[in-house]
Protein backbone atom coordinates (compact mmCIF):
# COMPACT_ATOMS: atom_id res chain seq x y z
CA MET A 1 -170.15 40.77 178.20
CA SER A 2 -169.35 44.40 178.63
CA GLU A 3 -166.04 46.10 178.30
CA PRO A 4 -163.48 45.31 180.90
CA THR A 5 -163.61 47.71 183.93
CA ASP A 6 -160.48 49.52 185.03
CA GLN A 7 -160.41 47.12 188.10
CA ASP A 8 -160.68 44.09 185.86
CA ILE A 9 -157.80 45.44 183.90
CA ARG A 10 -155.76 46.63 187.09
CA ASP A 11 -156.18 42.91 188.45
CA ARG A 12 -155.12 41.40 185.19
CA ALA A 13 -152.18 43.84 184.79
CA HIS A 14 -150.90 42.99 188.22
CA HIS A 15 -150.99 39.32 187.71
CA LEU A 16 -149.07 39.60 184.35
CA TRP A 17 -146.58 41.81 186.08
CA GLU A 18 -146.05 39.23 188.96
CA GLN A 19 -145.60 36.53 186.37
CA ALA A 20 -143.05 38.60 184.59
CA GLY A 21 -140.93 39.19 187.75
CA LYS A 22 -142.12 42.29 188.83
CA PRO A 23 -140.10 44.52 186.37
CA GLU A 24 -140.16 48.22 187.32
CA GLY A 25 -141.16 51.15 184.84
CA ARG A 26 -143.33 48.98 182.66
CA GLU A 27 -146.74 49.80 184.25
CA GLU A 28 -148.19 51.03 180.82
CA GLU A 29 -147.08 48.00 178.88
CA PHE A 30 -148.80 45.56 181.26
CA TRP A 31 -151.88 47.64 181.27
CA HIS A 32 -152.25 47.61 177.59
CA ALA A 33 -151.52 43.81 177.51
CA ALA A 34 -154.09 43.00 180.20
CA GLU A 35 -156.70 45.45 178.47
CA GLN A 36 -156.09 43.67 175.21
CA GLU A 37 -156.23 40.13 176.78
CA LEU A 38 -159.63 40.91 178.37
CA ARG A 39 -161.11 42.29 175.17
CA ASN A 40 -159.99 39.27 173.35
CA GLU A 41 -161.44 36.90 175.79
CA ASP A 42 -164.82 38.82 175.49
CA LYS A 43 -164.72 38.30 171.80
CA SER A 44 -164.09 34.53 172.00
CA SER A 45 -166.97 34.13 174.60
CA THR A 46 -169.18 31.12 173.71
CA LEU A 47 -172.13 33.36 174.59
CA ARG A 48 -171.53 35.76 171.58
CA THR A 49 -171.70 33.30 168.75
CA PRO A 50 -174.11 34.22 165.71
CA ASP A 51 -176.29 31.06 166.88
CA THR A 52 -176.85 32.49 170.39
CA LEU A 53 -177.39 36.29 169.75
């Protein structure tokens, strides 16, 4: 899987923001959390195991 797109990150950040109760002034925090979450998700993908490369 490739790097997450800005739209992927935006969607995930929005979801995280809503779950947190829509706090104001923390956009960057949610953006970074979403980006990290998506990148970690990519690394744990079963398609990227040494046996399947």
